[in-house]
Amino acid sequence: MEVETEVQNKKIDPETISKTRDRITATVSRAHKVKVFREAAREGPDEQAKKMKATSSKKFQKLTLGQNVRIKMPDIDRVKMDPRSITAVITDIKDEEFYELATSWVN
């Protein structure tokens, strides 16, 4: 489409376009606004992930090999007689983010 290629190739100020009464420029202005909103929508989840990671790293301490951890079991995944949490030991750390755990499950 002609309008989309014009918007992609040129930086258009939406304020100056919105003052004109020509239909073509109004369409270009709208297409430009849509493009800007879509770019912002793509960046939103990345920013949210960074905030979540920063909050998590402040809230939880770094774990080391051999350290004991308690893992809460969701109510959906357990029967009433099962324990509410499981104790595990960290056996391996990958990329300083992912932990391999070992448990001793006795029935």
PDB file of N, CA and C in Angstrom:
ATOM      1  N   MET A   1       0.813  -1.156   0.000  1.00  0.00           N
ATOM      2  CA  MET A   1       0.000   0.000   0.000  1.00  0.00           C
ATOM      3  C   MET A   1       0.873   1.241   0.000  1.00  0.00           C
ATOM      4  N   GLU A   2       0.489   2.263  -0.708  1.00  0.00           N
ATOM      5  CA  GLU A   2       1.282   3.481  -0.821  1.00  0.00           C
ATOM      6  C   GLU A   2       1.464   4.181   0.503  1.00  0.00           C
ATOM      7  N   VAL A   3       0.412   4.260   1.268  1.00  0.00           N
ATOM      8  CA  VAL A   3       0.445   5.005   2.521  1.00  0.00           C
ATOM      9  C   VAL A   3       1.440   4.373   3.488  1.00  0.00           C
ATOM     10  N   GLU A   4       1.424   3.040   3.587  1.00  0.00           N
ATOM     11  CA  GLU A   4       2.314   2.351   4.504  1.00  0.00           C
ATOM     12  C   GLU A   4       3.771   2.541   4.119  1.00  0.00           C
ATOM     13  N   THR A   5       4.094   2.506   2.829  1.00  0.00           N
ATOM     14  CA  THR A   5       5.476   2.703   2.412  1.00  0.00           C
ATOM     15  C   THR A   5       5.923   4.130   2.683  1.00  0.00           C
ATOM     16  N   GLU A   6       5.037   5.105   2.549  1.00  0.00           N
ATOM     17  CA  GLU A   6       5.389   6.485   2.864  1.00  0.00           C
ATOM     18  C   GLU A   6       5.716   6.625   4.342  1.00  0.00           C
ATOM     19  N   VAL A   7       4.938   5.989   5.181  1.00  0.00           N
ATOM     20  CA  VAL A   7       5.145   6.091   6.617  1.00  0.00           C
ATOM     21  C   VAL A   7       6.448   5.412   7.012  1.00  0.00           C
ATOM     22  N   GLN A   8       6.750   4.279   6.419  1.00  0.00           N
ATOM     23  CA  GLN A   8       7.965   3.558   6.764  1.00  0.00           C
ATOM     24  C   GLN A   8       9.208   4.307   6.311  1.00  0.00           C
ATOM     25  N   ASN A   9       9.168   4.989   5.190  1.00  0.00           N
ATOM     26  CA  ASN A   9      10.338   5.661   4.654  1.00  0.00           C
ATOM     27  C   ASN A   9      10.563   7.047   5.241  1.00  0.00           C
ATOM     28  N   LYS A  10       9.539   7.713   5.736  1.00  0.00           N
ATOM     29  CA  LYS A  10       9.667   9.072   6.225  1.00  0.00           C
ATOM     30  C   LYS A  10       9.247   9.147   7.683  1.00  0.00           C
ATOM     31  N   LYS A  11       9.913  10.022   8.413  1.00  0.00           N
ATOM     32  CA  LYS A  11       9.489  10.327   9.772  1.00  0.00           C
ATOM     33  C   LYS A  11       8.480  11.460   9.670  1.00  0.00           C
ATOM     34  N   ILE A  12       7.246  11.207  10.041  1.00  0.00           N
ATOM     35  CA  ILE A  12       6.185  12.187   9.895  1.00  0.00           C
ATOM     36  C   ILE A  12       5.731  12.614  11.282  1.00  0.00           C
ATOM     37  N   ASP A  13       5.614  13.916  11.490  1.00  0.00           N
ATOM     38  CA  ASP A  13       5.129  14.447  12.752  1.00  0.00           C
ATOM     39  C   ASP A  13       3.610  14.385  12.764  1.00  0.00           C
ATOM     40  N   PRO A  14       2.995  13.596  13.659  1.00  0.00           N
ATOM     41  CA  PRO A  14       1.542  13.439  13.634  1.00  0.00           C
ATOM     42  C   PRO A  14       0.783  14.732  13.947  1.00  0.00           C
ATOM     43  N   GLU A  15       1.385  15.645  14.705  1.00  0.00           N
ATOM     44  CA  GLU A  15       0.692  16.884  15.054  1.00  0.00           C
ATOM     45  C   GLU A  15       0.486  17.774  13.837  1.00  0.00           C
ATOM     46  N   THR A  16       1.492  17.853  12.961  1.00  0.00           N
ATOM     47  CA  THR A  16       1.342  18.704  11.784  1.00  0.00           C
ATOM     48  C   THR A  16       0.367  18.088  10.792  1.00  0.00           C
ATOM     49  N   ILE A  17       0.326  16.787  10.720  1.00  0.00           N
ATOM     50  CA  ILE A  17      -0.584  16.121   9.788  1.00  0.00           C
ATOM     51  C   ILE A  17      -2.026  16.239  10.264  1.00  0.00           C
ATOM     52  N   SER A  18      -2.235  16.135  11.587  1.00  0.00           N
ATOM     53  CA  SER A  18      -3.607  16.174  12.087  1.00  0.00           C
ATOM     54  C   SER A  18      -4.257  17.543  11.871  1.00  0.00           C
ATOM     55  N   LYS A  19      -3.462  18.591  11.645  1.00  0.00           N
ATOM     56  CA  LYS A  19      -4.024  19.920  11.417  1.00  0.00           C
ATOM     57  C   LYS A  19      -4.574  20.074   9.995  1.00  0.00           C
ATOM     58  N   THR A  20      -4.099  19.269   9.059  1.00  0.00           N
ATOM     59  CA  THR A  20      -4.589  19.365   7.684  1.00  0.00           C
ATOM     60  C   THR A  20      -5.905  18.619   7.565  1.00  0.00           C
ATOM     61  N   ARG A  21      -6.698  18.973   6.564  1.00  0.00           N
ATOM     62  CA  ARG A  21      -8.001  18.337   6.398  1.00  0.00           C
ATOM     63  C   ARG A  21      -8.011  17.366   5.226  1.00  0.00           C
ATOM     64  N   ASP A  22      -6.872  17.084   4.666  1.00  0.00           N
ATOM     65  CA  ASP A  22      -6.786  16.172   3.531  1.00  0.00           C
ATOM     66  C   ASP A  22      -6.927  14.735   4.033  1.00  0.00           C
ATOM     67  N   ARG A  23      -7.720  13.921   3.359  1.00  0.00           N
ATOM     68  CA  ARG A  23      -7.947  12.535   3.792  1.00  0.00           C
ATOM     69  C   ARG A  23      -6.677  11.694   3.722  1.00  0.00           C
ATOM     70  N   ILE A  24      -5.847  11.902   2.732  1.00  0.00           N
ATOM     71  CA  ILE A  24      -4.637  11.088   2.578  1.00  0.00           C
ATOM     72  C   ILE A  24      -3.694  11.323   3.740  1.00  0.00           C
ATOM     73  N   THR A  25      -3.499  12.571   4.111  1.00  0.00           N
ATOM     74  CA  THR A  25      -2.589  12.847   5.227  1.00  0.00           C
ATOM     75  C   THR A  25      -3.158  12.323   6.537  1.00  0.00           C
ATOM     76  N   ALA A  26      -4.465  12.358   6.689  1.00  0.00           N
ATOM     77  CA  ALA A  26      -5.080  11.804   7.894  1.00  0.00           C
ATOM     78  C   ALA A  26      -4.848  10.298   7.963  1.00  0.00           C
ATOM     79  N   THR A  27      -4.902   9.628   6.838  1.00  0.00           N
ATOM     80  CA  THR A  27      -4.646   8.191   6.791  1.00  0.00           C
ATOM     81  C   THR A  27      -3.191   7.904   7.127  1.00  0.00           C
ATOM     82  N   VAL A  28      -2.293   8.743   6.593  1.00  0.00           N
ATOM     83  CA  VAL A  28      -0.868   8.572   6.889  1.00  0.00           C
ATOM     84  C   VAL A  28      -0.639   8.781   8.376  1.00  0.00           C
ATOM     85  N   SER A  29      -1.283   9.789   8.942  1.00  0.00           N
ATOM     86  CA  SER A  29      -1.136  10.060  10.363  1.00  0.00           C
ATOM     87  C   SER A  29      -1.620   8.873  11.189  1.00  0.00           C
ATOM     88  N   ARG A  30      -2.756   8.313  10.817  1.00  0.00           N
ATOM     89  CA  ARG A  30      -3.303   7.169  11.548  1.00  0.00           C
ATOM     90  C   ARG A  30      -2.385   5.955  11.418  1.00  0.00           C
ATOM     91  N   ALA A  31      -1.871   5.727  10.208  1.00  0.00           N
ATOM     92  CA  ALA A  31      -0.959   4.594   9.989  1.00  0.00           C
ATOM     93  C   ALA A  31       0.312   4.776  10.816  1.00  0.00           C
ATOM     94  N   HIS A  32       0.784   6.000  10.908  1.00  0.00           N
ATOM     95  CA  HIS A  32       1.988   6.275  11.702  1.00  0.00           C
ATOM     96  C   HIS A  32       1.714   6.013  13.190  1.00  0.00           C
ATOM     97  N   LYS A  33       0.561   6.461  13.674  1.00  0.00           N
ATOM     98  CA  LYS A  33       0.208   6.244  15.072  1.00  0.00           C
ATOM     99  C   LYS A  33       0.092   4.748  15.382  1.00  0.00           C
ATOM    100  N   VAL A  34      -0.506   3.993  14.470  1.00  0.00           N
ATOM    101  CA  VAL A  34      -0.635   2.544  14.658  1.00  0.00           C
ATOM    102  C   VAL A  34       0.741   1.898  14.730  1.00  0.00           C
ATOM    103  N   LYS A  35       1.640   2.344  13.868  1.00  0.00           N
ATOM    104  CA  LYS A  35       2.997   1.794  13.854  1.00  0.00           C
ATOM    105  C   LYS A  35       3.710   2.071  15.176  1.00  0.00           C
ATOM    106  N   VAL A  36       3.563   3.294  15.681  1.00  0.00           N
ATOM    107  CA  VAL A  36       4.199   3.657  16.942  1.00  0.00           C
ATOM    108  C   VAL A  36       3.624   2.824  18.088  1.00  0.00           C
ATOM    109  N   PHE A  37       2.293   2.659  18.126  1.00  0.00           N
ATOM    110  CA  PHE A  37       1.668   1.856  19.181  1.00  0.00           C
ATOM    111  C   PHE A  37       2.097   0.394  19.106  1.00  0.00           C
ATOM    112  N   ARG A  38       2.243  -0.144  17.912  1.00  0.00           N
ATOM    113  CA  ARG A  38       2.667  -1.545  17.774  1.00  0.00           C
ATOM    114  C   ARG A  38       4.095  -1.738  18.262  1.00  0.00           C
ATOM    115  N   GLU A  39       4.981  -0.778  17.962  1.00  0.00           N
ATOM    116  CA  GLU A  39       6.357  -0.870  18.443  1.00  0.00           C
ATOM    117  C   GLU A  39       6.393  -0.830  19.966  1.00  0.00           C
ATOM    118  N   ALA A  40       5.585   0.045  20.554  1.00  0.00           N
ATOM    119  CA  ALA A  40       5.525   0.124  22.019  1.00  0.00           C
ATOM    120  C   ALA A  40       4.973  -1.171  22.612  1.00  0.00           C
ATOM    121  N   ALA A  41       4.011  -1.773  21.944  1.00  0.00           N
ATOM    122  CA  ALA A  41       3.435  -3.031  22.430  1.00  0.00           C
ATOM    123  C   ALA A  41       4.451  -4.165  22.376  1.00  0.00           C
ATOM    124  N   ARG A  42       5.340  -4.130  21.399  1.00  0.00           N
ATOM    125  CA  ARG A  42       6.381  -5.178  21.313  1.00  0.00           C
ATOM    126  C   ARG A  42       7.403  -5.023  22.435  1.00  0.00           C
ATOM    127  N   GLU A  43       7.690  -3.790  22.818  1.00  0.00           N
ATOM    128  CA  GLU A  43       8.697  -3.545  23.848  1.00  0.00           C
ATOM    129  C   GLU A  43       8.143  -3.746  25.254  1.00  0.00           C
ATOM    130  N   GLY A  44       6.832  -3.673  25.431  1.00  0.00           N
ATOM    131  CA  GLY A  44       6.218  -3.782  26.744  1.00  0.00           C
ATOM    132  C   GLY A  44       6.538  -5.056  27.500  1.00  0.00           C
ATOM    133  N   PRO A  45       6.362  -6.243  26.897  1.00  0.00           N
ATOM    134  CA  PRO A  45       6.671  -7.480  27.631  1.00  0.00           C
ATOM    135  C   PRO A  45       8.141  -7.599  28.027  1.00  0.00           C
ATOM    136  N   ASP A  46       9.051  -7.079  27.199  1.00  0.00           N
ATOM    137  CA  ASP A  46      10.471  -7.126  27.548  1.00  0.00           C
ATOM    138  C   ASP A  46      10.758  -6.280  28.793  1.00  0.00           C
ATOM    139  N   GLU A  47      10.172  -5.086  28.841  1.00  0.00           N
ATOM    140  CA  GLU A  47      10.354  -4.226  30.008  1.00  0.00           C
ATOM    141  C   GLU A  47       9.752  -4.872  31.259  1.00  0.00           C
ATOM    142  N   GLN A  48       8.599  -5.486  31.110  1.00  0.00           N
ATOM    143  CA  GLN A  48       7.955  -6.145  32.241  1.00  0.00           C
ATOM    144  C   GLN A  48       8.800  -7.310  32.741  1.00  0.00           C
ATOM    145  N   ALA A  49       9.393  -8.061  31.836  1.00  0.00           N
ATOM    146  CA  ALA A  49      10.246  -9.187  32.229  1.00  0.00           C
ATOM    147  C   ALA A  49      11.472  -8.691  32.998  1.00  0.00           C
ATOM    148  N   LYS A  50      12.053  -7.579  32.563  1.00  0.00           N
ATOM    149  CA  LYS A  50      13.207  -7.014  33.269  1.00  0.00           C
ATOM    150  C   LYS A  50      12.825  -6.580  34.682  1.00  0.00           C
ATOM    151  N   LYS A  51      11.645  -5.960  34.822  1.00  0.00           N
ATOM    152  CA  LYS A  51      11.189  -5.537  36.145  1.00  0.00           C
ATOM    153  C   LYS A  51      10.957  -6.742  37.044  1.00  0.00           C
ATOM    154  N   MET A  52      10.340  -7.806  36.501  1.00  0.00           N
ATOM    155  CA  MET A  52      10.065  -9.005  37.277  1.00  0.00           C
ATOM    156  C   MET A  52      11.363  -9.669  37.737  1.00  0.00           C
ATOM    157  N   LYS A  53      12.357  -9.703  36.860  1.00  0.00           N
ATOM    158  CA  LYS A  53      13.630 -10.330  37.194  1.00  0.00           C
ATOM    159  C   LYS A  53      14.359  -9.531  38.268  1.00  0.00           C
ATOM    160  N   ALA A  54      14.318  -8.191  38.153  1.00  0.00           N
ATOM    161  CA  ALA A  54      14.962  -7.342  39.158  1.00  0.00           C
ATOM    162  C   ALA A  54      14.291  -7.507  40.518  1.00  0.00           C
ATOM    163  N   THR A  55      12.964  -7.564  40.540  1.00  0.00           N
ATOM    164  CA  THR A  55      12.231  -7.749  41.787  1.00  0.00           C
ATOM    165  C   THR A  55      12.547  -9.103  42.402  1.00  0.00           C
ATOM    166  N   SER A  56      12.601 -10.128  41.575  1.00  0.00           N
ATOM    167  CA  SER A  56      12.891 -11.471  42.059  1.00  0.00           C
ATOM    168  C   SER A  56      14.302 -11.567  42.625  1.00  0.00           C
ATOM    169  N   SER A  57      15.276 -10.948  41.954  1.00  0.00           N
ATOM    170  CA  SER A  57      16.648 -11.021  42.440  1.00  0.00           C
ATOM    171  C   SER A  57      16.823 -10.244  43.740  1.00  0.00           C
ATOM    172  N   LYS A  58      16.026  -9.185  43.961  1.00  0.00           N
ATOM    173  CA  LYS A  58      16.084  -8.456  45.234  1.00  0.00           C
ATOM    174  C   LYS A  58      15.421  -9.263  46.346  1.00  0.00           C
ATOM    175  N   LYS A  59      14.347  -9.969  46.008  1.00  0.00           N
ATOM    176  CA  LYS A  59      13.550 -10.678  46.995  1.00  0.00           C
ATOM    177  C   LYS A  59      14.212 -11.981  47.459  1.00  0.00           C
ATOM    178  N   PHE A  60      14.827 -12.710  46.534  1.00  0.00           N
ATOM    179  CA  PHE A  60      15.403 -14.012  46.845  1.00  0.00           C
ATOM    180  C   PHE A  60      16.921 -13.954  46.765  1.00  0.00           C
ATOM    181  N   GLN A  61      17.563 -14.652  47.682  1.00  0.00           N
ATOM    182  CA  GLN A  61      19.020 -14.697  47.695  1.00  0.00           C
ATOM    183  C   GLN A  61      19.558 -15.697  46.674  1.00  0.00           C
ATOM    184  N   LYS A  62      20.830 -15.550  46.332  1.00  0.00           N
ATOM    185  CA  LYS A  62      21.481 -16.505  45.431  1.00  0.00           C
ATOM    186  C   LYS A  62      21.677 -17.823  46.173  1.00  0.00           C
ATOM    187  N   LEU A  63      21.429 -18.915  45.495  1.00  0.00           N
ATOM    188  CA  LEU A  63      21.555 -20.232  46.099  1.00  0.00           C
ATOM    189  C   LEU A  63      22.893 -20.855  45.719  1.00  0.00           C
ATOM    190  N   THR A  64      23.366 -21.775  46.559  1.00  0.00           N
ATOM    191  CA  THR A  64      24.643 -22.431  46.306  1.00  0.00           C
ATOM    192  C   THR A  64      24.437 -23.940  46.218  1.00  0.00           C
ATOM    193  N   LEU A  65      25.464 -24.626  45.700  1.00  0.00           N
ATOM    194  CA  LEU A  65      25.404 -26.086  45.599  1.00  0.00           C
ATOM    195  C   LEU A  65      25.312 -26.705  46.992  1.00  0.00           C
ATOM    196  N   GLY A  66      24.491 -27.727  47.120  1.00  0.00           N
ATOM    197  CA  GLY A  66      24.346 -28.433  48.379  1.00  0.00           C
ATOM    198  C   GLY A  66      23.377 -27.785  49.351  1.00  0.00           C
ATOM    199  N   GLN A  67      22.824 -26.647  48.997  1.00  0.00           N
ATOM    200  CA  GLN A  67      21.888 -25.952  49.880  1.00  0.00           C
ATOM    201  C   GLN A  67      20.514 -26.619  49.825  1.00  0.00           C
ATOM    202  N   ASN A  68      19.848 -26.701  50.962  1.00  0.00           N
ATOM    203  CA  ASN A  68      18.498 -27.264  51.031  1.00  0.00           C
ATOM    204  C   ASN A  68      17.477 -26.182  50.716  1.00  0.00           C
ATOM    205  N   VAL A  69      16.458 -26.560  49.953  1.00  0.00           N
ATOM    206  CA  VAL A  69      15.385 -25.630  49.609  1.00  0.00           C
ATOM    207  C   VAL A  69      14.048 -26.321  49.837  1.00  0.00           C
ATOM    208  N   ARG A  70      13.021 -25.508  50.070  1.00  0.00           N
ATOM    209  CA  ARG A  70      11.668 -26.043  50.259  1.00  0.00           C
ATOM    210  C   ARG A  70      10.826 -25.586  49.073  1.00  0.00           C
ATOM    211  N   ILE A  71      10.150 -26.524  48.428  1.00  0.00           N
ATOM    212  CA  ILE A  71       9.332 -26.238  47.256  1.00  0.00           C
ATOM    213  C   ILE A  71       7.875 -26.469  47.637  1.00  0.00           C
ATOM    214  N   LYS A  72       7.072 -25.429  47.492  1.00  0.00           N
ATOM    215  CA  LYS A  72       5.656 -25.535  47.824  1.00  0.00           C
ATOM    216  C   LYS A  72       4.935 -26.273  46.705  1.00  0.00           C
ATOM    217  N   MET A  73       4.076 -27.208  47.094  1.00  0.00           N
ATOM    218  CA  MET A  73       3.293 -27.969  46.123  1.00  0.00           C
ATOM    219  C   MET A  73       1.931 -27.300  45.958  1.00  0.00           C
ATOM    220  N   PRO A  74       1.522 -27.008  44.728  1.00  0.00           N
ATOM    221  CA  PRO A  74       0.194 -26.422  44.521  1.00  0.00           C
ATOM    222  C   PRO A  74      -0.905 -27.400  44.938  1.00  0.00           C
ATOM    223  N   ASP A  75      -2.014 -26.865  45.393  1.00  0.00           N
ATOM    224  CA  ASP A  75      -3.132 -27.704  45.843  1.00  0.00           C
ATOM    225  C   ASP A  75      -3.659 -28.607  44.734  1.00  0.00           C
ATOM    226  N   ILE A  76      -3.563 -28.163  43.516  1.00  0.00           N
ATOM    227  CA  ILE A  76      -4.064 -28.940  42.381  1.00  0.00           C
ATOM    228  C   ILE A  76      -3.250 -30.212  42.170  1.00  0.00           C
ATOM    229  N   ASP A  77      -1.938 -30.129  42.435  1.00  0.00           N
ATOM    230  CA  ASP A  77      -1.044 -31.248  42.150  1.00  0.00           C
ATOM    231  C   ASP A  77      -0.913 -32.245  43.290  1.00  0.00           C
ATOM    232  N   ARG A  78      -1.653 -32.058  44.351  1.00  0.00           N
ATOM    233  CA  ARG A  78      -1.484 -32.979  45.469  1.00  0.00           C
ATOM    234  C   ARG A  78      -2.833 -33.460  46.005  1.00  0.00           C
ATOM    235  N   VAL A  79      -2.773 -34.597  46.662  1.00  0.00           N
ATOM    236  CA  VAL A  79      -3.937 -35.166  47.339  1.00  0.00           C
ATOM    237  C   VAL A  79      -3.888 -34.647  48.780  1.00  0.00           C
ATOM    238  N   LYS A  80      -4.986 -34.726  49.501  1.00  0.00           N
ATOM    239  CA  LYS A  80      -5.028 -34.197  50.870  1.00  0.00           C
ATOM    240  C   LYS A  80      -3.966 -34.815  51.778  1.00  0.00           C
ATOM    241  N   MET A  81      -3.601 -36.051  51.525  1.00  0.00           N
ATOM    242  CA  MET A  81      -2.616 -36.727  52.373  1.00  0.00           C
ATOM    243  C   MET A  81      -1.175 -36.394  52.010  1.00  0.00           C
ATOM    244  N   ASP A  82      -0.930 -35.811  50.839  1.00  0.00           N
ATOM    245  CA  ASP A  82       0.430 -35.457  50.426  1.00  0.00           C
ATOM    246  C   ASP A  82       0.910 -34.229  51.201  1.00  0.00           C
ATOM    247  N   PRO A  83       2.221 -34.115  51.375  1.00  0.00           N
ATOM    248  CA  PRO A  83       2.740 -32.943  52.095  1.00  0.00           C
ATOM    249  C   PRO A  83       2.531 -31.658  51.282  1.00  0.00           C
ATOM    250  N   ARG A  84       2.463 -30.536  51.987  1.00  0.00           N
ATOM    251  CA  ARG A  84       2.272 -29.246  51.325  1.00  0.00           C
ATOM    252  C   ARG A  84       3.546 -28.742  50.659  1.00  0.00           C
ATOM    253  N   SER A  85       4.682 -29.267  51.077  1.00  0.00           N
ATOM    254  CA  SER A  85       5.950 -28.853  50.471  1.00  0.00           C
ATOM    255  C   SER A  85       6.918 -30.029  50.428  1.00  0.00           C
ATOM    256  N   ILE A  86       7.948 -29.882  49.605  1.00  0.00           N
ATOM    257  CA  ILE A  86       8.965 -30.918  49.445  1.00  0.00           C
ATOM    258  C   ILE A  86      10.326 -30.280  49.719  1.00  0.00           C
ATOM    259  N   THR A  87      11.181 -30.977  50.434  1.00  0.00           N
ATOM    260  CA  THR A  87      12.538 -30.504  50.667  1.00  0.00           C
ATOM    261  C   THR A  87      13.440 -31.117  49.602  1.00  0.00           C
ATOM    262  N   ALA A  88      14.277 -30.267  48.990  1.00  0.00           N
ATOM    263  CA  ALA A  88      15.180 -30.736  47.939  1.00  0.00           C
ATOM    264  C   ALA A  88      16.569 -30.148  48.167  1.00  0.00           C
ATOM    265  N   VAL A  89      17.557 -30.734  47.491  1.00  0.00           N
ATOM    266  CA  VAL A  89      18.940 -30.271  47.570  1.00  0.00           C
ATOM    267  C   VAL A  89      19.366 -29.822  46.184  1.00  0.00           C
ATOM    268  N   ILE A  90      20.075 -28.715  46.091  1.00  0.00           N
ATOM    269  CA  ILE A  90      20.571 -28.213  44.804  1.00  0.00           C
ATOM    270  C   ILE A  90      21.791 -29.031  44.412  1.00  0.00           C
ATOM    271  N   THR A  91      21.728 -29.678  43.243  1.00  0.00           N
ATOM    272  CA  THR A  91      22.831 -30.517  42.776  1.00  0.00           C
ATOM    273  C   THR A  91      23.614 -29.880  41.643  1.00  0.00           C
ATOM    274  N   ASP A  92      23.018 -28.936  40.922  1.00  0.00           N
ATOM    275  CA  ASP A  92      23.726 -28.303  39.804  1.00  0.00           C
ATOM    276  C   ASP A  92      23.103 -26.938  39.522  1.00  0.00           C
ATOM    277  N   ILE A  93      23.949 -25.977  39.115  1.00  0.00           N
ATOM    278  CA  ILE A  93      23.484 -24.638  38.747  1.00  0.00           C
ATOM    279  C   ILE A  93      23.910 -24.380  37.307  1.00  0.00           C
ATOM    280  N   LYS A  94      22.947 -24.027  36.452  1.00  0.00           N
ATOM    281  CA  LYS A  94      23.227 -23.777  35.041  1.00  0.00           C
ATOM    282  C   LYS A  94      22.918 -22.324  34.719  1.00  0.00           C
ATOM    283  N   ASP A  95      23.856 -21.633  34.119  1.00  0.00           N
ATOM    284  CA  ASP A  95      23.713 -20.245  33.687  1.00  0.00           C
ATOM    285  C   ASP A  95      23.344 -19.310  34.838  1.00  0.00           C
ATOM    286  N   GLU A  96      23.692 -19.655  36.054  1.00  0.00           N
ATOM    287  CA  GLU A  96      23.408 -18.853  37.252  1.00  0.00           C
ATOM    288  C   GLU A  96      21.924 -18.540  37.428  1.00  0.00           C
ATOM    289  N   GLU A  97      21.056 -19.277  36.745  1.00  0.00           N
ATOM    290  CA  GLU A  97      19.620 -19.034  36.841  1.00  0.00           C
ATOM    291  C   GLU A  97      18.817 -20.299  37.106  1.00  0.00           C
ATOM    292  N   PHE A  98      19.257 -21.407  36.536  1.00  0.00           N
ATOM    293  CA  PHE A  98      18.483 -22.642  36.598  1.00  0.00           C
ATOM    294  C   PHE A  98      19.159 -23.624  37.556  1.00  0.00           C
ATOM    295  N   TYR A  99      18.343 -24.241  38.392  1.00  0.00           N
ATOM    296  CA  TYR A  99      18.860 -25.136  39.410  1.00  0.00           C
ATOM    297  C   TYR A  99      18.349 -26.548  39.170  1.00  0.00           C
ATOM    298  N   GLU A 100      19.255 -27.513  39.312  1.00  0.00           N
ATOM    299  CA  GLU A 100      18.864 -28.918  39.255  1.00  0.00           C
ATOM    300  C   GLU A 100      18.710 -29.385  40.690  1.00  0.00           C
ATOM    301  N   LEU A 101      17.579 -29.983  40.975  1.00  0.00           N
ATOM    302  CA  LEU A 101      17.270 -30.385  42.342  1.00  0.00           C
ATOM    303  C   LEU A 101      17.187 -31.900  42.478  1.00  0.00           C
ATOM    304  N   ALA A 102      17.506 -32.392  43.647  1.00  0.00           N
ATOM    305  CA  ALA A 102      17.369 -33.821  43.944  1.00  0.00           C
ATOM    306  C   ALA A 102      16.525 -33.952  45.204  1.00  0.00           C
ATOM    307  N   THR A 103      15.622 -34.909  45.187  1.00  0.00           N
ATOM    308  CA  THR A 103      14.771 -35.141  46.360  1.00  0.00           C
ATOM    309  C   THR A 103      14.873 -36.585  46.783  1.00  0.00           C
ATOM    310  N   SER A 104      14.496 -36.832  48.001  1.00  0.00           N
ATOM    311  CA  SER A 104      14.398 -38.180  48.526  1.00  0.00           C
ATOM    312  C   SER A 104      12.925 -38.418  48.812  1.00  0.00           C
ATOM    313  N   TRP A 105      12.246 -39.050  47.886  1.00  0.00           N
ATOM    314  CA  TRP A 105      10.808 -39.262  48.000  1.00  0.00           C
ATOM    315  C   TRP A 105      10.568 -40.638  48.554  1.00  0.00           C
ATOM    316  N   VAL A 106      10.018 -40.708  49.748  1.00  0.00           N
ATOM    317  CA  VAL A 106       9.767 -41.982  50.420  1.00  0.00           C
ATOM    318  C   VAL A 106       8.262 -42.156  50.560  1.00  0.00           C
ATOM    319  N   ASN A 107       7.771 -43.306  50.144  1.00  0.00           N
ATOM    320  CA  ASN A 107       6.342 -43.605  50.300  1.00  0.00           C
ATOM    321  C   ASN A 107       6.125 -44.553  51.432  1.00  0.00           C
TER     322      ASN A 107
END
